Each structure stands twice: as structure tokens, then as C-alpha cells.
Amino acid sequence: MCAVSAISDYGRSLPENFWTQESLSEFKRLLREAKIFDEKTNQPDCEDPEKARFVEIVEEKVNK
């Protein structure tokens, strides 16, 4: 499993009240770093559109 997928799964398991502007910003930073790690370790581009949509949904809620 690539790091991006594992981190995305973890983020989806966190409670809704965890998400703030700061926690979302840190989570997105982790995803960016995981993508770099996956590239350096020759992991396939395995970002799941459903998991990516999760970040967008959280962002919409946080920015309300």
C-alpha cells in the first residue's frame, strides 16, 4: 500500500470534530510529503478519487 493511501485512510477514521483549519492544513502537508515518498520509493500513483474527495469535503466544512 502506498503512503498516500494509508494516510488518507487514517484521516477518514478521525472524528468530525478533529477537523479545524490547522489540522486540515497539517493533514494536507502530510499527504504532499507522502506523495513525494511514494515517488521516491517507486510506488504506483494510487490516490483514490474517493479518498481525495474526502479532503475536499472536509475543506468545505472547515471553510464554512
PDB file of N, CA and C in Angstrom:
ATOM      1  N   MET A   1       0.850  -1.172   0.000  1.00  0.00           N
ATOM      2  CA  MET A   1       0.000   0.000   0.000  1.00  0.00           C
ATOM      3  C   MET A   1       0.896   1.235   0.000  1.00  0.00           C
ATOM      4  N   CYS A   2       0.565   2.192  -0.818  1.00  0.00           N
ATOM      5  CA  CYS A   2       1.356   3.412  -0.844  1.00  0.00           C
ATOM      6  C   CYS A   2       1.042   4.276   0.374  1.00  0.00           C
ATOM      7  N   ALA A   3       1.955   5.155   0.715  1.00  0.00           N
ATOM      8  CA  ALA A   3       1.806   6.009   1.897  1.00  0.00           C
ATOM      9  C   ALA A   3       0.607   6.940   1.766  1.00  0.00           C
ATOM     10  N   VAL A   4       0.364   7.473   0.587  1.00  0.00           N
ATOM     11  CA  VAL A   4      -0.781   8.375   0.393  1.00  0.00           C
ATOM     12  C   VAL A   4      -2.072   7.658   0.762  1.00  0.00           C
ATOM     13  N   SER A   5      -2.222   6.437   0.347  1.00  0.00           N
ATOM     14  CA  SER A   5      -3.432   5.679   0.645  1.00  0.00           C
ATOM     15  C   SER A   5      -3.576   5.428   2.138  1.00  0.00           C
ATOM     16  N   ALA A   6      -2.490   5.051   2.792  1.00  0.00           N
ATOM     17  CA  ALA A   6      -2.533   4.772   4.229  1.00  0.00           C
ATOM     18  C   ALA A   6      -2.887   6.021   5.027  1.00  0.00           C
ATOM     19  N   ILE A   7      -2.296   7.147   4.676  1.00  0.00           N
ATOM     20  CA  ILE A   7      -2.593   8.401   5.384  1.00  0.00           C
ATOM     21  C   ILE A   7      -4.021   8.840   5.114  1.00  0.00           C
ATOM     22  N   SER A   8      -4.477   8.671   3.892  1.00  0.00           N
ATOM     23  CA  SER A   8      -5.868   9.017   3.559  1.00  0.00           C
ATOM     24  C   SER A   8      -6.841   8.174   4.375  1.00  0.00           C
ATOM     25  N   ASP A   9      -6.567   6.885   4.478  1.00  0.00           N
ATOM     26  CA  ASP A   9      -7.427   6.010   5.293  1.00  0.00           C
ATOM     27  C   ASP A   9      -7.465   6.471   6.740  1.00  0.00           C
ATOM     28  N   TYR A  10      -6.314   6.824   7.278  1.00  0.00           N
ATOM     29  CA  TYR A  10      -6.258   7.284   8.663  1.00  0.00           C
ATOM     30  C   TYR A  10      -7.092   8.563   8.848  1.00  0.00           C
ATOM     31  N   GLY A  11      -6.950   9.490   7.933  1.00  0.00           N
ATOM     32  CA  GLY A  11      -7.707  10.740   8.019  1.00  0.00           C
ATOM     33  C   GLY A  11      -9.208  10.508   8.013  1.00  0.00           C
ATOM     34  N   ARG A  12      -9.632   9.544   7.243  1.00  0.00           N
ATOM     35  CA  ARG A  12     -11.066   9.237   7.173  1.00  0.00           C
ATOM     36  C   ARG A  12     -11.575   8.601   8.459  1.00  0.00           C
ATOM     37  N   SER A  13     -10.673   8.082   9.289  1.00  0.00           N
ATOM     38  CA  SER A  13     -11.095   7.449  10.538  1.00  0.00           C
ATOM     39  C   SER A  13     -11.193   8.446  11.697  1.00  0.00           C
ATOM     40  N   LEU A  14     -10.720   9.651  11.492  1.00  0.00           N
ATOM     41  CA  LEU A  14     -10.733  10.648  12.563  1.00  0.00           C
ATOM     42  C   LEU A  14     -12.143  11.214  12.761  1.00  0.00           C
ATOM     43  N   PRO A  15     -12.492  11.579  13.997  1.00  0.00           N
ATOM     44  CA  PRO A  15     -13.823  12.127  14.245  1.00  0.00           C
ATOM     45  C   PRO A  15     -14.004  13.496  13.587  1.00  0.00           C
ATOM     46  N   GLU A  16     -15.229  13.812  13.267  1.00  0.00           N
ATOM     47  CA  GLU A  16     -15.525  15.062  12.568  1.00  0.00           C
ATOM     48  C   GLU A  16     -15.058  16.286  13.354  1.00  0.00           C
ATOM     49  N   ASN A  17     -15.132  16.217  14.694  1.00  0.00           N
ATOM     50  CA  ASN A  17     -14.739  17.380  15.489  1.00  0.00           C
ATOM     51  C   ASN A  17     -13.216  17.584  15.545  1.00  0.00           C
ATOM     52  N   PHE A  18     -12.452  16.670  14.988  1.00  0.00           N
ATOM     53  CA  PHE A  18     -10.998  16.826  14.907  1.00  0.00           C
ATOM     54  C   PHE A  18     -10.620  17.907  13.912  1.00  0.00           C
ATOM     55  N   TRP A  19     -11.417  18.051  12.874  1.00  0.00           N
ATOM     56  CA  TRP A  19     -11.025  18.876  11.742  1.00  0.00           C
ATOM     57  C   TRP A  19     -11.215  20.365  12.012  1.00  0.00           C
ATOM     58  N   THR A  20     -10.088  21.063  11.930  1.00  0.00           N
ATOM     59  CA  THR A  20     -10.046  22.518  12.008  1.00  0.00           C
ATOM     60  C   THR A  20      -9.214  22.986  10.823  1.00  0.00           C
ATOM     61  N   GLN A  21      -9.116  24.277  10.655  1.00  0.00           N
ATOM     62  CA  GLN A  21      -8.270  24.792   9.574  1.00  0.00           C
ATOM     63  C   GLN A  21      -6.827  24.319   9.766  1.00  0.00           C
ATOM     64  N   GLU A  22      -6.356  24.348  11.012  1.00  0.00           N
ATOM     65  CA  GLU A  22      -4.979  23.937  11.292  1.00  0.00           C
ATOM     66  C   GLU A  22      -4.762  22.443  11.062  1.00  0.00           C
ATOM     67  N   SER A  23      -5.670  21.607  11.560  1.00  0.00           N
ATOM     68  CA  SER A  23      -5.481  20.159  11.386  1.00  0.00           C
ATOM     69  C   SER A  23      -5.596  19.769   9.912  1.00  0.00           C
ATOM     70  N   LEU A  24      -6.485  20.426   9.173  1.00  0.00           N
ATOM     71  CA  LEU A  24      -6.612  20.142   7.744  1.00  0.00           C
ATOM     72  C   LEU A  24      -5.342  20.543   7.003  1.00  0.00           C
ATOM     73  N   SER A  25      -4.789  21.685   7.360  1.00  0.00           N
ATOM     74  CA  SER A  25      -3.554  22.141   6.731  1.00  0.00           C
ATOM     75  C   SER A  25      -2.419  21.142   6.974  1.00  0.00           C
ATOM     76  N   GLU A  26      -2.293  20.655   8.202  1.00  0.00           N
ATOM     77  CA  GLU A  26      -1.267  19.670   8.529  1.00  0.00           C
ATOM     78  C   GLU A  26      -1.505  18.348   7.794  1.00  0.00           C
ATOM     79  N   PHE A  27      -2.757  17.948   7.701  1.00  0.00           N
ATOM     80  CA  PHE A  27      -3.092  16.705   7.004  1.00  0.00           C
ATOM     81  C   PHE A  27      -2.715  16.804   5.525  1.00  0.00           C
ATOM     82  N   LYS A  28      -3.031  17.927   4.915  1.00  0.00           N
ATOM     83  CA  LYS A  28      -2.684  18.126   3.507  1.00  0.00           C
ATOM     84  C   LYS A  28      -1.169  18.137   3.316  1.00  0.00           C
ATOM     85  N   ARG A  29      -0.436  18.693   4.296  1.00  0.00           N
ATOM     86  CA  ARG A  29       1.023  18.668   4.236  1.00  0.00           C
ATOM     87  C   ARG A  29       1.527  17.223   4.284  1.00  0.00           C
ATOM     88  N   LEU A  30       0.942  16.420   5.176  1.00  0.00           N
ATOM     89  CA  LEU A  30       1.318  15.003   5.251  1.00  0.00           C
ATOM     90  C   LEU A  30       1.075  14.295   3.919  1.00  0.00           C
ATOM     91  N   LEU A  31      -0.047  14.578   3.294  1.00  0.00           N
ATOM     92  CA  LEU A  31      -0.344  13.953   2.003  1.00  0.00           C
ATOM     93  C   LEU A  31       0.668  14.358   0.930  1.00  0.00           C
ATOM     94  N   ARG A  32       1.051  15.635   0.932  1.00  0.00           N
ATOM     95  CA  ARG A  32       2.057  16.087  -0.044  1.00  0.00           C
ATOM     96  C   ARG A  32       3.386  15.370   0.184  1.00  0.00           C
ATOM     97  N   GLU A  33       3.796  15.268   1.447  1.00  0.00           N
ATOM     98  CA  GLU A  33       5.053  14.586   1.776  1.00  0.00           C
ATOM     99  C   GLU A  33       4.967  13.088   1.449  1.00  0.00           C
ATOM    100  N   ALA A  34       3.820  12.496   1.702  1.00  0.00           N
ATOM    101  CA  ALA A  34       3.637  11.073   1.386  1.00  0.00           C
ATOM    102  C   ALA A  34       3.741  10.832  -0.117  1.00  0.00           C
ATOM    103  N   LYS A  35       3.211  11.760  -0.894  1.00  0.00           N
ATOM    104  CA  LYS A  35       3.291  11.625  -2.358  1.00  0.00           C
ATOM    105  C   LYS A  35       4.761  11.648  -2.809  1.00  0.00           C
ATOM    106  N   ILE A  36       5.546  12.538  -2.213  1.00  0.00           N
ATOM    107  CA  ILE A  36       6.982  12.599  -2.532  1.00  0.00           C
ATOM    108  C   ILE A  36       7.658  11.283  -2.143  1.00  0.00           C
ATOM    109  N   PHE A  37       7.334  10.774  -0.955  1.00  0.00           N
ATOM    110  CA  PHE A  37       7.897   9.498  -0.507  1.00  0.00           C
ATOM    111  C   PHE A  37       7.515   8.373  -1.471  1.00  0.00           C
ATOM    112  N   ASP A  38       6.250   8.336  -1.875  1.00  0.00           N
ATOM    113  CA  ASP A  38       5.797   7.295  -2.805  1.00  0.00           C
ATOM    114  C   ASP A  38       6.555   7.379  -4.125  1.00  0.00           C
ATOM    115  N   GLU A  39       6.789   8.591  -4.603  1.00  0.00           N
ATOM    116  CA  GLU A  39       7.527   8.761  -5.852  1.00  0.00           C
ATOM    117  C   GLU A  39       8.970   8.261  -5.703  1.00  0.00           C
ATOM    118  N   LYS A  40       9.596   8.589  -4.568  1.00  0.00           N
ATOM    119  CA  LYS A  40      10.986   8.183  -4.340  1.00  0.00           C
ATOM    120  C   LYS A  40      11.129   6.674  -4.145  1.00  0.00           C
ATOM    121  N   THR A  41      10.079   6.027  -3.679  1.00  0.00           N
ATOM    122  CA  THR A  41      10.126   4.578  -3.458  1.00  0.00           C
ATOM    123  C   THR A  41       9.429   3.801  -4.567  1.00  0.00           C
ATOM    124  N   ASN A  42       9.158   4.486  -5.660  1.00  0.00           N
ATOM    125  CA  ASN A  42       8.565   3.873  -6.851  1.00  0.00           C
ATOM    126  C   ASN A  42       7.226   3.195  -6.594  1.00  0.00           C
ATOM    127  N   GLN A  43       6.442   3.794  -5.722  1.00  0.00           N
ATOM    128  CA  GLN A  43       5.087   3.293  -5.508  1.00  0.00           C
ATOM    129  C   GLN A  43       4.204   3.793  -6.650  1.00  0.00           C
ATOM    130  N   PRO A  44       3.217   3.002  -7.022  1.00  0.00           N
ATOM    131  CA  PRO A  44       2.324   3.445  -8.087  1.00  0.00           C
ATOM    132  C   PRO A  44       1.514   4.644  -7.623  1.00  0.00           C
ATOM    133  N   ASP A  45       1.056   5.438  -8.585  1.00  0.00           N
ATOM    134  CA  ASP A  45       0.185   6.570  -8.268  1.00  0.00           C
ATOM    135  C   ASP A  45      -1.150   5.987  -7.844  1.00  0.00           C
ATOM    136  N   CYS A  46      -1.352   5.881  -6.551  1.00  0.00           N
ATOM    137  CA  CYS A  46      -2.506   5.129  -6.072  1.00  0.00           C
ATOM    138  C   CYS A  46      -3.525   6.001  -5.349  1.00  0.00           C
ATOM    139  N   GLU A  47      -3.522   7.297  -5.619  1.00  0.00           N
ATOM    140  CA  GLU A  47      -4.512   8.156  -4.982  1.00  0.00           C
ATOM    141  C   GLU A  47      -5.896   7.761  -5.466  1.00  0.00           C
ATOM    142  N   ASP A  48      -6.753   7.441  -4.530  1.00  0.00           N
ATOM    143  CA  ASP A  48      -8.122   7.028  -4.807  1.00  0.00           C
ATOM    144  C   ASP A  48      -8.993   8.289  -4.906  1.00  0.00           C
ATOM    145  N   PRO A  49      -9.745   8.450  -5.997  1.00  0.00           N
ATOM    146  CA  PRO A  49     -10.586   9.640  -6.138  1.00  0.00           C
ATOM    147  C   PRO A  49     -11.566   9.828  -4.972  1.00  0.00           C
ATOM    148  N   GLU A  50     -12.059   8.736  -4.413  1.00  0.00           N
ATOM    149  CA  GLU A  50     -12.983   8.826  -3.276  1.00  0.00           C
ATOM    150  C   GLU A  50     -12.265   9.382  -2.047  1.00  0.00           C
ATOM    151  N   LYS A  51     -11.035   8.961  -1.850  1.00  0.00           N
ATOM    152  CA  LYS A  51     -10.255   9.457  -0.724  1.00  0.00           C
ATOM    153  C   LYS A  51      -9.881  10.922  -0.940  1.00  0.00           C
ATOM    154  N   ALA A  52      -9.569  11.286  -2.157  1.00  0.00           N
ATOM    155  CA  ALA A  52      -9.264  12.683  -2.465  1.00  0.00           C
ATOM    156  C   ALA A  52     -10.501  13.548  -2.257  1.00  0.00           C
ATOM    157  N   ARG A  53     -11.640  13.034  -2.589  1.00  0.00           N
ATOM    158  CA  ARG A  53     -12.894  13.774  -2.396  1.00  0.00           C
ATOM    159  C   ARG A  53     -13.141  14.008  -0.911  1.00  0.00           C
ATOM    160  N   PHE A  54     -12.731  13.088  -0.064  1.00  0.00           N
ATOM    161  CA  PHE A  54     -12.880  13.258   1.374  1.00  0.00           C
ATOM    162  C   PHE A  54     -12.208  14.551   1.840  1.00  0.00           C
ATOM    163  N   VAL A  55     -10.993  14.815   1.367  1.00  0.00           N
ATOM    164  CA  VAL A  55     -10.276  16.029   1.749  1.00  0.00           C
ATOM    165  C   VAL A  55     -11.066  17.256   1.287  1.00  0.00           C
ATOM    166  N   GLU A  56     -11.636  17.207   0.107  1.00  0.00           N
ATOM    167  CA  GLU A  56     -12.425  18.324  -0.390  1.00  0.00           C
ATOM    168  C   GLU A  56     -13.657  18.556   0.488  1.00  0.00           C
ATOM    169  N   ILE A  57     -14.307  17.483   0.912  1.00  0.00           N
ATOM    170  CA  ILE A  57     -15.493  17.579   1.765  1.00  0.00           C
ATOM    171  C   ILE A  57     -15.129  18.206   3.108  1.00  0.00           C
ATOM    172  N   VAL A  58     -14.025  17.752   3.695  1.00  0.00           N
ATOM    173  CA  VAL A  58     -13.575  18.311   4.983  1.00  0.00           C
ATOM    174  C   VAL A  58     -13.251  19.793   4.796  1.00  0.00           C
ATOM    175  N   GLU A  59     -12.592  20.116   3.706  1.00  0.00           N
ATOM    176  CA  GLU A  59     -12.237  21.509   3.436  1.00  0.00           C
ATOM    177  C   GLU A  59     -13.485  22.383   3.328  1.00  0.00           C
ATOM    178  N   GLU A  60     -14.505  21.900   2.661  1.00  0.00           N
ATOM    179  CA  GLU A  60     -15.751  22.647   2.536  1.00  0.00           C
ATOM    180  C   GLU A  60     -16.383  22.893   3.917  1.00  0.00           C
ATOM    181  N   LYS A  61     -16.370  21.884   4.772  1.00  0.00           N
ATOM    182  CA  LYS A  61     -16.951  22.006   6.114  1.00  0.00           C
ATOM    183  C   LYS A  61     -16.141  22.970   6.977  1.00  0.00           C
ATOM    184  N   VAL A  62     -14.828  22.873   6.910  1.00  0.00           N
ATOM    185  CA  VAL A  62     -13.962  23.725   7.717  1.00  0.00           C
ATOM    186  C   VAL A  62     -14.077  25.189   7.293  1.00  0.00           C
ATOM    187  N   ASN A  63     -14.239  25.424   6.014  1.00  0.00           N
ATOM    188  CA  ASN A  63     -14.281  26.785   5.492  1.00  0.00           C
ATOM    189  C   ASN A  63     -15.648  27.457   5.582  1.00  0.00           C
ATOM    190  N   LYS A  64     -16.621  26.775   6.156  1.00  0.00           N
ATOM    191  CA  LYS A  64     -17.961  27.378   6.293  1.00  0.00           C
ATOM    192  C   LYS A  64     -17.956  28.474   7.305  1.00  0.00           C
TER     193      LYS A  64
END
